Amino acid sequence: MTDLMIFAVLFGALAVINLVRLVKGPTAADRMVAGDCADVLICCAMILFALYSGRGVYLDIAIISALLGIIDTLLVARYMDKGRWLKYVAKDRH
């Protein structure tokens, strides 16, 4: 029980540090990495809560949240890199 509380406090501190990077990030890529890190922290918090409460349904939600986080990261990375990607495709066609 005390181990879970220690991990919860550490995850809270990591979430605050991550929030600072999310708000202050100098580039959009830094903000994207901070958002992805927030998704990982949320998944870990759900796993801790599943251990604390003894209910396995939170593990399923954590897995779904992780999968959606991966898809979200891929979509944002594709959006951020769209201009350079189109330039290379257009160069190959001519």
PDB file of N, CA and C in Angstrom:
ATOM      1  N   MET A   1       0.825  -1.206   0.000  1.00  0.00           N
ATOM      2  CA  MET A   1       0.000   0.000   0.000  1.00  0.00           C
ATOM      3  C   MET A   1       0.861   1.258   0.000  1.00  0.00           C
ATOM      4  N   THR A   2       1.905   1.280   0.824  1.00  0.00           N
ATOM      5  CA  THR A   2       2.746   2.476   0.858  1.00  0.00           C
ATOM      6  C   THR A   2       3.561   2.611  -0.428  1.00  0.00           C
ATOM      7  N   ASP A   3       3.895   1.476  -1.044  1.00  0.00           N
ATOM      8  CA  ASP A   3       4.622   1.541  -2.316  1.00  0.00           C
ATOM      9  C   ASP A   3       3.781   2.220  -3.381  1.00  0.00           C
ATOM     10  N   LEU A   4       2.492   1.906  -3.416  1.00  0.00           N
ATOM     11  CA  LEU A   4       1.606   2.538  -4.387  1.00  0.00           C
ATOM     12  C   LEU A   4       1.485   4.039  -4.146  1.00  0.00           C
ATOM     13  N   MET A   5       1.470   4.437  -2.904  1.00  0.00           N
ATOM     14  CA  MET A   5       1.387   5.866  -2.591  1.00  0.00           C
ATOM     15  C   MET A   5       2.672   6.588  -3.003  1.00  0.00           C
ATOM     16  N   ILE A   6       3.814   5.943  -2.805  1.00  0.00           N
ATOM     17  CA  ILE A   6       5.088   6.551  -3.218  1.00  0.00           C
ATOM     18  C   ILE A   6       5.113   6.722  -4.732  1.00  0.00           C
ATOM     19  N   PHE A   7       4.684   5.679  -5.457  1.00  0.00           N
ATOM     20  CA  PHE A   7       4.631   5.781  -6.917  1.00  0.00           C
ATOM     21  C   PHE A   7       3.643   6.845  -7.359  1.00  0.00           C
ATOM     22  N   ALA A   8       2.526   6.966  -6.668  1.00  0.00           N
ATOM     23  CA  ALA A   8       1.537   7.981  -7.031  1.00  0.00           C
ATOM     24  C   ALA A   8       2.102   9.387  -6.852  1.00  0.00           C
ATOM     25  N   VAL A   9       2.850   9.612  -5.782  1.00  0.00           N
ATOM     26  CA  VAL A   9       3.465  10.923  -5.558  1.00  0.00           C
ATOM     27  C   VAL A   9       4.517  11.202  -6.639  1.00  0.00           C
ATOM     28  N   LEU A  10       5.303  10.191  -6.995  1.00  0.00           N
ATOM     29  CA  LEU A  10       6.298  10.371  -8.052  1.00  0.00           C
ATOM     30  C   LEU A  10       5.639  10.661  -9.397  1.00  0.00           C
ATOM     31  N   PHE A  11       4.550   9.956  -9.701  1.00  0.00           N
ATOM     32  CA  PHE A  11       3.843  10.232 -10.944  1.00  0.00           C
ATOM     33  C   PHE A  11       3.235  11.624 -10.945  1.00  0.00           C
ATOM     34  N   GLY A  12       2.780  12.091  -9.805  1.00  0.00           N
ATOM     35  CA  GLY A  12       2.271  13.458  -9.714  1.00  0.00           C
ATOM     36  C   GLY A  12       3.353  14.487  -9.990  1.00  0.00           C
ATOM     37  N   ALA A  13       4.546  14.255  -9.435  1.00  0.00           N
ATOM     38  CA  ALA A  13       5.665  15.171  -9.687  1.00  0.00           C
ATOM     39  C   ALA A  13       6.064  15.146 -11.156  1.00  0.00           C
ATOM     40  N   LEU A  14       6.088  13.961 -11.749  1.00  0.00           N
ATOM     41  CA  LEU A  14       6.407  13.865 -13.171  1.00  0.00           C
ATOM     42  C   LEU A  14       5.359  14.555 -14.030  1.00  0.00           C
ATOM     43  N   ALA A  15       4.101  14.469 -13.632  1.00  0.00           N
ATOM     44  CA  ALA A  15       3.027  15.123 -14.383  1.00  0.00           C
ATOM     45  C   ALA A  15       3.179  16.647 -14.340  1.00  0.00           C
ATOM     46  N   VAL A  16       3.584  17.191 -13.195  1.00  0.00           N
ATOM     47  CA  VAL A  16       3.783  18.639 -13.090  1.00  0.00           C
ATOM     48  C   VAL A  16       4.955  19.082 -13.967  1.00  0.00           C
ATOM     49  N   ILE A  17       6.048  18.330 -13.936  1.00  0.00           N
ATOM     50  CA  ILE A  17       7.198  18.659 -14.783  1.00  0.00           C
ATOM     51  C   ILE A  17       6.812  18.568 -16.258  1.00  0.00           C
ATOM     52  N   ASN A  18       6.033  17.550 -16.595  1.00  0.00           N
ATOM     53  CA  ASN A  18       5.592  17.385 -17.976  1.00  0.00           C
ATOM     54  C   ASN A  18       4.647  18.506 -18.399  1.00  0.00           C
ATOM     55  N   LEU A  19       3.818  18.964 -17.509  1.00  0.00           N
ATOM     56  CA  LEU A  19       2.905  20.063 -17.821  1.00  0.00           C
ATOM     57  C   LEU A  19       3.682  21.339 -18.126  1.00  0.00           C
ATOM     58  N   VAL A  20       4.755  21.561 -17.397  1.00  0.00           N
ATOM     59  CA  VAL A  20       5.603  22.731 -17.668  1.00  0.00           C
ATOM     60  C   VAL A  20       6.185  22.642 -19.080  1.00  0.00           C
ATOM     61  N   ARG A  21       6.661  21.457 -19.471  1.00  0.00           N
ATOM     62  CA  ARG A  21       7.212  21.289 -20.812  1.00  0.00           C
ATOM     63  C   ARG A  21       6.131  21.426 -21.876  1.00  0.00           C
ATOM     64  N   LEU A  22       4.934  20.980 -21.576  1.00  0.00           N
ATOM     65  CA  LEU A  22       3.826  21.081 -22.523  1.00  0.00           C
ATOM     66  C   LEU A  22       3.453  22.535 -22.778  1.00  0.00           C
ATOM     67  N   VAL A  23       3.471  23.355 -21.747  1.00  0.00           N
ATOM     68  CA  VAL A  23       3.106  24.763 -21.888  1.00  0.00           C
ATOM     69  C   VAL A  23       4.277  25.586 -22.427  1.00  0.00           C
ATOM     70  N   LYS A  24       5.485  25.320 -21.932  1.00  0.00           N
ATOM     71  CA  LYS A  24       6.639  26.160 -22.228  1.00  0.00           C
ATOM     72  C   LYS A  24       7.432  25.705 -23.449  1.00  0.00           C
ATOM     73  N   GLY A  25       7.182  24.499 -23.952  1.00  0.00           N
ATOM     74  CA  GLY A  25       7.981  23.919 -25.030  1.00  0.00           C
ATOM     75  C   GLY A  25       8.310  24.894 -26.143  1.00  0.00           C
ATOM     76  N   PRO A  26       9.569  25.040 -26.491  1.00  0.00           N
ATOM     77  CA  PRO A  26       9.933  26.043 -27.497  1.00  0.00           C
ATOM     78  C   PRO A  26       9.447  25.685 -28.902  1.00  0.00           C
ATOM     79  N   THR A  27       9.310  24.403 -29.210  1.00  0.00           N
ATOM     80  CA  THR A  27       8.858  24.027 -30.543  1.00  0.00           C
ATOM     81  C   THR A  27       7.629  23.133 -30.445  1.00  0.00           C
ATOM     82  N   ALA A  28       6.984  22.965 -31.584  1.00  0.00           N
ATOM     83  CA  ALA A  28       5.810  22.097 -31.619  1.00  0.00           C
ATOM     84  C   ALA A  28       6.196  20.639 -31.371  1.00  0.00           C
ATOM     85  N   ALA A  29       7.387  20.244 -31.789  1.00  0.00           N
ATOM     86  CA  ALA A  29       7.836  18.870 -31.556  1.00  0.00           C
ATOM     87  C   ALA A  29       8.011  18.603 -30.061  1.00  0.00           C
ATOM     88  N   ASP A  30       8.519  19.591 -29.314  1.00  0.00           N
ATOM     89  CA  ASP A  30       8.644  19.427 -27.866  1.00  0.00           C
ATOM     90  C   ASP A  30       7.277  19.268 -27.214  1.00  0.00           C
ATOM     91  N   ARG A  31       6.320  20.029 -27.679  1.00  0.00           N
ATOM     92  CA  ARG A  31       4.963  19.910 -27.137  1.00  0.00           C
ATOM     93  C   ARG A  31       4.348  18.562 -27.488  1.00  0.00           C
ATOM     94  N   MET A  32       4.647  18.054 -28.670  1.00  0.00           N
ATOM     95  CA  MET A  32       4.117  16.750 -29.060  1.00  0.00           C
ATOM     96  C   MET A  32       4.712  15.639 -28.191  1.00  0.00           C
ATOM     97  N   VAL A  33       6.004  15.719 -27.923  1.00  0.00           N
ATOM     98  CA  VAL A  33       6.645  14.722 -27.067  1.00  0.00           C
ATOM     99  C   VAL A  33       6.087  14.807 -25.646  1.00  0.00           C
ATOM    100  N   ALA A  34       5.842  16.010 -25.156  1.00  0.00           N
ATOM    101  CA  ALA A  34       5.255  16.170 -23.822  1.00  0.00           C
ATOM    102  C   ALA A  34       3.837  15.615 -23.782  1.00  0.00           C
ATOM    103  N   GLY A  35       3.086  15.794 -24.853  1.00  0.00           N
ATOM    104  CA  GLY A  35       1.743  15.215 -24.905  1.00  0.00           C
ATOM    105  C   GLY A  35       1.780  13.700 -24.921  1.00  0.00           C
ATOM    106  N   ASP A  36       2.743  13.129 -25.631  1.00  0.00           N
ATOM    107  CA  ASP A  36       2.893  11.682 -25.658  1.00  0.00           C
ATOM    108  C   ASP A  36       3.320  11.163 -24.287  1.00  0.00           C
ATOM    109  N   CYS A  37       4.186  11.909 -23.621  1.00  0.00           N
ATOM    110  CA  CYS A  37       4.600  11.539 -22.273  1.00  0.00           C
ATOM    111  C   CYS A  37       3.427  11.610 -21.300  1.00  0.00           C
ATOM    112  N   ALA A  38       2.548  12.584 -21.489  1.00  0.00           N
ATOM    113  CA  ALA A  38       1.362  12.681 -20.641  1.00  0.00           C
ATOM    114  C   ALA A  38       0.464  11.471 -20.831  1.00  0.00           C
ATOM    115  N   ASP A  39       0.362  10.980 -22.055  1.00  0.00           N
ATOM    116  CA  ASP A  39      -0.430   9.784 -22.307  1.00  0.00           C
ATOM    117  C   ASP A  39       0.160   8.576 -21.586  1.00  0.00           C
ATOM    118  N   VAL A  40       1.481   8.450 -21.606  1.00  0.00           N
ATOM    119  CA  VAL A  40       2.129   7.344 -20.899  1.00  0.00           C
ATOM    120  C   VAL A  40       1.903   7.463 -19.393  1.00  0.00           C
ATOM    121  N   LEU A  41       1.995   8.680 -18.866  1.00  0.00           N
ATOM    122  CA  LEU A  41       1.760   8.872 -17.434  1.00  0.00           C
ATOM    123  C   LEU A  41       0.327   8.534 -17.046  1.00  0.00           C
ATOM    124  N   ILE A  42      -0.623   8.882 -17.902  1.00  0.00           N
ATOM    125  CA  ILE A  42      -2.019   8.558 -17.621  1.00  0.00           C
ATOM    126  C   ILE A  42      -2.231   7.051 -17.626  1.00  0.00           C
ATOM    127  N   CYS A  43      -1.611   6.365 -18.579  1.00  0.00           N
ATOM    128  CA  CYS A  43      -1.715   4.900 -18.620  1.00  0.00           C
ATOM    129  C   CYS A  43      -1.112   4.274 -17.360  1.00  0.00           C
ATOM    130  N   CYS A  44       0.034   4.775 -16.941  1.00  0.00           N
ATOM    131  CA  CYS A  44       0.659   4.250 -15.720  1.00  0.00           C
ATOM    132  C   CYS A  44      -0.193   4.536 -14.491  1.00  0.00           C
ATOM    133  N   ALA A  45      -0.827   5.702 -14.459  1.00  0.00           N
ATOM    134  CA  ALA A  45      -1.711   6.019 -13.331  1.00  0.00           C
ATOM    135  C   ALA A  45      -2.915   5.091 -13.304  1.00  0.00           C
ATOM    136  N   MET A  46      -3.449   4.755 -14.477  1.00  0.00           N
ATOM    137  CA  MET A  46      -4.576   3.816 -14.525  1.00  0.00           C
ATOM    138  C   MET A  46      -4.159   2.428 -14.059  1.00  0.00           C
ATOM    139  N   ILE A  47      -2.946   2.011 -14.404  1.00  0.00           N
ATOM    140  CA  ILE A  47      -2.453   0.716 -13.950  1.00  0.00           C
ATOM    141  C   ILE A  47      -2.278   0.723 -12.441  1.00  0.00           C
ATOM    142  N   LEU A  48      -1.745   1.817 -11.895  1.00  0.00           N
ATOM    143  CA  LEU A  48      -1.626   1.922 -10.436  1.00  0.00           C
ATOM    144  C   LEU A  48      -2.987   1.884  -9.757  1.00  0.00           C
ATOM    145  N   PHE A  49      -3.969   2.568 -10.351  1.00  0.00           N
ATOM    146  CA  PHE A  49      -5.306   2.556  -9.751  1.00  0.00           C
ATOM    147  C   PHE A  49      -5.929   1.172  -9.849  1.00  0.00           C
ATOM    148  N   ALA A  50      -5.638   0.440 -10.937  1.00  0.00           N
ATOM    149  CA  ALA A  50      -6.142  -0.932 -11.053  1.00  0.00           C
ATOM    150  C   ALA A  50      -5.540  -1.818  -9.965  1.00  0.00           C
ATOM    151  N   LEU A  51      -4.252  -1.620  -9.671  1.00  0.00           N
ATOM    152  CA  LEU A  51      -3.633  -2.378  -8.585  1.00  0.00           C
ATOM    153  C   LEU A  51      -4.215  -1.997  -7.235  1.00  0.00           C
ATOM    154  N   TYR A  52      -4.469  -0.715  -7.047  1.00  0.00           N
ATOM    155  CA  TYR A  52      -5.001  -0.235  -5.779  1.00  0.00           C
ATOM    156  C   TYR A  52      -6.430  -0.723  -5.543  1.00  0.00           C
ATOM    157  N   SER A  53      -7.266  -0.655  -6.592  1.00  0.00           N
ATOM    158  CA  SER A  53      -8.678  -1.019  -6.422  1.00  0.00           C
ATOM    159  C   SER A  53      -8.934  -2.503  -6.608  1.00  0.00           C
ATOM    160  N   GLY A  54      -8.025  -3.214  -7.263  1.00  0.00           N
ATOM    161  CA  GLY A  54      -8.213  -4.640  -7.483  1.00  0.00           C
ATOM    162  C   GLY A  54      -9.176  -4.957  -8.620  1.00  0.00           C
ATOM    163  N   ARG A  55      -9.444  -3.992  -9.485  1.00  0.00           N
ATOM    164  CA  ARG A  55     -10.355  -4.197 -10.609  1.00  0.00           C
ATOM    165  C   ARG A  55      -9.558  -4.161 -11.908  1.00  0.00           C
ATOM    166  N   GLY A  56      -9.790  -5.145 -12.755  1.00  0.00           N
ATOM    167  CA  GLY A  56      -9.043  -5.270 -13.985  1.00  0.00           C
ATOM    168  C   GLY A  56      -9.549  -4.425 -15.134  1.00  0.00           C
ATOM    169  N   VAL A  57     -10.723  -3.822 -14.968  1.00  0.00           N
ATOM    170  CA  VAL A  57     -11.280  -3.034 -16.067  1.00  0.00           C
ATOM    171  C   VAL A  57     -10.405  -1.818 -16.375  1.00  0.00           C
ATOM    172  N   TYR A  58      -9.702  -1.322 -15.386  1.00  0.00           N
ATOM    173  CA  TYR A  58      -8.828  -0.164 -15.617  1.00  0.00           C
ATOM    174  C   TYR A  58      -7.620  -0.525 -16.470  1.00  0.00           C
ATOM    175  N   LEU A  59      -7.212  -1.784 -16.439  1.00  0.00           N
ATOM    176  CA  LEU A  59      -6.115  -2.216 -17.300  1.00  0.00           C
ATOM    177  C   LEU A  59      -6.546  -2.182 -18.767  1.00  0.00           C
ATOM    178  N   ASP A  60      -7.778  -2.593 -19.040  1.00  0.00           N
ATOM    179  CA  ASP A  60      -8.293  -2.528 -20.411  1.00  0.00           C
ATOM    180  C   ASP A  60      -8.354  -1.087 -20.900  1.00  0.00           C
ATOM    181  N   ILE A  61      -8.791  -0.197 -20.030  1.00  0.00           N
ATOM    182  CA  ILE A  61      -8.861   1.218 -20.404  1.00  0.00           C
ATOM    183  C   ILE A  61      -7.458   1.776 -20.646  1.00  0.00           C
ATOM    184  N   ALA A  62      -6.480   1.349 -19.846  1.00  0.00           N
ATOM    185  CA  ALA A  62      -5.101   1.808 -20.034  1.00  0.00           C
ATOM    186  C   ALA A  62      -4.541   1.331 -21.374  1.00  0.00           C
ATOM    187  N   ILE A  63      -4.855   0.109 -21.767  1.00  0.00           N
ATOM    188  CA  ILE A  63      -4.375  -0.411 -23.051  1.00  0.00           C
ATOM    189  C   ILE A  63      -5.007   0.356 -24.199  1.00  0.00           C
ATOM    190  N   ILE A  64      -6.308   0.605 -24.118  1.00  0.00           N
ATOM    191  CA  ILE A  64      -6.983   1.363 -25.177  1.00  0.00           C
ATOM    192  C   ILE A  64      -6.437   2.789 -25.250  1.00  0.00           C
ATOM    193  N   SER A  65      -6.194   3.395 -24.104  1.00  0.00           N
ATOM    194  CA  SER A  65      -5.634   4.748 -24.080  1.00  0.00           C
ATOM    195  C   SER A  65      -4.234   4.772 -24.697  1.00  0.00           C
ATOM    196  N   ALA A  66      -3.430   3.760 -24.441  1.00  0.00           N
ATOM    197  CA  ALA A  66      -2.089   3.695 -25.034  1.00  0.00           C
ATOM    198  C   ALA A  66      -2.171   3.538 -26.551  1.00  0.00           C
ATOM    199  N   LEU A  67      -3.087   2.713 -27.023  1.00  0.00           N
ATOM    200  CA  LEU A  67      -3.239   2.539 -28.474  1.00  0.00           C
ATOM    201  C   LEU A  67      -3.707   3.826 -29.141  1.00  0.00           C
ATOM    202  N   LEU A  68      -4.635   4.517 -28.519  1.00  0.00           N
ATOM    203  CA  LEU A  68      -5.090   5.791 -29.075  1.00  0.00           C
ATOM    204  C   LEU A  68      -3.985   6.845 -29.029  1.00  0.00           C
ATOM    205  N   GLY A  69      -3.140   6.784 -28.015  1.00  0.00           N
ATOM    206  CA  GLY A  69      -2.011   7.706 -27.933  1.00  0.00           C
ATOM    207  C   GLY A  69      -1.012   7.489 -29.054  1.00  0.00           C
ATOM    208  N   ILE A  70      -0.785   6.236 -29.422  1.00  0.00           N
ATOM    209  CA  ILE A  70       0.124   5.941 -30.532  1.00  0.00           C
ATOM    210  C   ILE A  70      -0.451   6.487 -31.832  1.00  0.00           C
ATOM    211  N   ILE A  71      -1.739   6.266 -32.058  1.00  0.00           N
ATOM    212  CA  ILE A  71      -2.380   6.761 -33.276  1.00  0.00           C
ATOM    213  C   ILE A  71      -2.345   8.287 -33.300  1.00  0.00           C
ATOM    214  N   ASP A  72      -2.604   8.911 -32.162  1.00  0.00           N
ATOM    215  CA  ASP A  72      -2.566  10.369 -32.079  1.00  0.00           C
ATOM    216  C   ASP A  72      -1.175  10.905 -32.400  1.00  0.00           C
ATOM    217  N   THR A  73      -0.140  10.270 -31.873  1.00  0.00           N
ATOM    218  CA  THR A  73       1.224  10.706 -32.143  1.00  0.00           C
ATOM    219  C   THR A  73       1.562  10.568 -33.624  1.00  0.00           C
ATOM    220  N   LEU A  74       1.149   9.481 -34.232  1.00  0.00           N
ATOM    221  CA  LEU A  74       1.400   9.301 -35.661  1.00  0.00           C
ATOM    222  C   LEU A  74       0.688  10.357 -36.496  1.00  0.00           C
ATOM    223  N   LEU A  75      -0.551  10.675 -36.140  1.00  0.00           N
ATOM    224  CA  LEU A  75      -1.294  11.676 -36.896  1.00  0.00           C
ATOM    225  C   LEU A  75      -0.691  13.071 -36.746  1.00  0.00           C
ATOM    226  N   VAL A  76      -0.290  13.438 -35.543  1.00  0.00           N
ATOM    227  CA  VAL A  76       0.310  14.756 -35.337  1.00  0.00           C
ATOM    228  C   VAL A  76       1.666  14.833 -36.024  1.00  0.00           C
ATOM    229  N   ALA A  77       2.449  13.765 -35.970  1.00  0.00           N
ATOM    230  CA  ALA A  77       3.745  13.764 -36.653  1.00  0.00           C
ATOM    231  C   ALA A  77       3.552  13.874 -38.162  1.00  0.00           C
ATOM    232  N   ARG A  78       2.565  13.211 -38.682  1.00  0.00           N
ATOM    233  CA  ARG A  78       2.278  13.307 -40.121  1.00  0.00           C
ATOM    234  C   ARG A  78       1.848  14.727 -40.485  1.00  0.00           C
ATOM    235  N   TYR A  79       1.058  15.350 -39.624  1.00  0.00           N
ATOM    236  CA  TYR A  79       0.616  16.724 -39.871  1.00  0.00           C
ATOM    237  C   TYR A  79       1.800  17.690 -39.836  1.00  0.00           C
ATOM    238  N   MET A  80       2.710  17.511 -38.866  1.00  0.00           N
ATOM    239  CA  MET A  80       3.851  18.407 -38.735  1.00  0.00           C
ATOM    240  C   MET A  80       4.849  18.221 -39.874  1.00  0.00           C
ATOM    241  N   ASP A  81       4.934  17.044 -40.442  1.00  0.00           N
ATOM    242  CA  ASP A  81       5.918  16.749 -41.470  1.00  0.00           C
ATOM    243  C   ASP A  81       5.322  16.787 -42.876  1.00  0.00           C
ATOM    244  N   LYS A  82       4.084  17.210 -42.998  1.00  0.00           N
ATOM    245  CA  LYS A  82       3.385  17.121 -44.279  1.00  0.00           C
ATOM    246  C   LYS A  82       4.049  17.953 -45.363  1.00  0.00           C
ATOM    247  N   GLY A  83       4.519  19.123 -45.071  1.00  0.00           N
ATOM    248  CA  GLY A  83       5.128  19.979 -46.073  1.00  0.00           C
ATOM    249  C   GLY A  83       6.388  19.370 -46.665  1.00  0.00           C
ATOM    250  N   ARG A  84       7.274  18.858 -45.811  1.00  0.00           N
ATOM    251  CA  ARG A  84       8.510  18.256 -46.319  1.00  0.00           C
ATOM    252  C   ARG A  84       8.219  16.969 -47.075  1.00  0.00           C
ATOM    253  N   TRP A  85       7.253  16.194 -46.618  1.00  0.00           N
ATOM    254  CA  TRP A  85       6.918  14.929 -47.267  1.00  0.00           C
ATOM    255  C   TRP A  85       6.381  15.180 -48.668  1.00  0.00           C
ATOM    256  N   LEU A  86       5.540  16.178 -48.814  1.00  0.00           N
ATOM    257  CA  LEU A  86       4.987  16.476 -50.133  1.00  0.00           C
ATOM    258  C   LEU A  86       6.070  16.987 -51.077  1.00  0.00           C
ATOM    259  N   LYS A  87       7.053  17.722 -50.557  1.00  0.00           N
ATOM    260  CA  LYS A  87       8.125  18.242 -51.394  1.00  0.00           C
ATOM    261  C   LYS A  87       8.942  17.083 -51.986  1.00  0.00           C
ATOM    262  N   TYR A  88       9.228  16.052 -51.172  1.00  0.00           N
ATOM    263  CA  TYR A  88       9.998  14.916 -51.668  1.00  0.00           C
ATOM    264  C   TYR A  88       9.192  14.081 -52.666  1.00  0.00           C
ATOM    265  N   VAL A  89       7.899  13.940 -52.434  1.00  0.00           N
ATOM    266  CA  VAL A  89       7.057  13.189 -53.352  1.00  0.00           C
ATOM    267  C   VAL A  89       6.975  13.903 -54.694  1.00  0.00           C
ATOM    268  N   ALA A  90       6.825  15.220 -54.677  1.00  0.00           N
ATOM    269  CA  ALA A  90       6.736  15.991 -55.917  1.00  0.00           C
ATOM    270  C   ALA A  90       8.059  15.926 -56.682  1.00  0.00           C
ATOM    271  N   LYS A  91       9.185  15.888 -55.991  1.00  0.00           N
ATOM    272  CA  LYS A  91      10.493  15.815 -56.648  1.00  0.00           C
ATOM    273  C   LYS A  91      10.671  14.467 -57.357  1.00  0.00           C
ATOM    274  N   ASP A  92      10.153  13.388 -56.730  1.00  0.00           N
ATOM    275  CA  ASP A  92      10.290  12.064 -57.327  1.00  0.00           C
ATOM    276  C   ASP A  92       9.406  11.907 -58.559  1.00  0.00           C
ATOM    277  N   ARG A  93       8.317  12.607 -58.656  1.00  0.00           N
ATOM    278  CA  ARG A  93       7.395  12.460 -59.781  1.00  0.00           C
ATOM    279  C   ARG A  93       7.927  13.125 -61.035  1.00  0.00           C
ATOM    280  N   HIS A  94       8.751  14.132 -60.896  1.00  0.00           N
ATOM    281  CA  HIS A  94       9.226  14.863 -62.095  1.00  0.00           C
ATOM    282  C   HIS A  94      10.518  14.334 -62.584  1.00  0.00           C
TER     283      HIS A  94
END
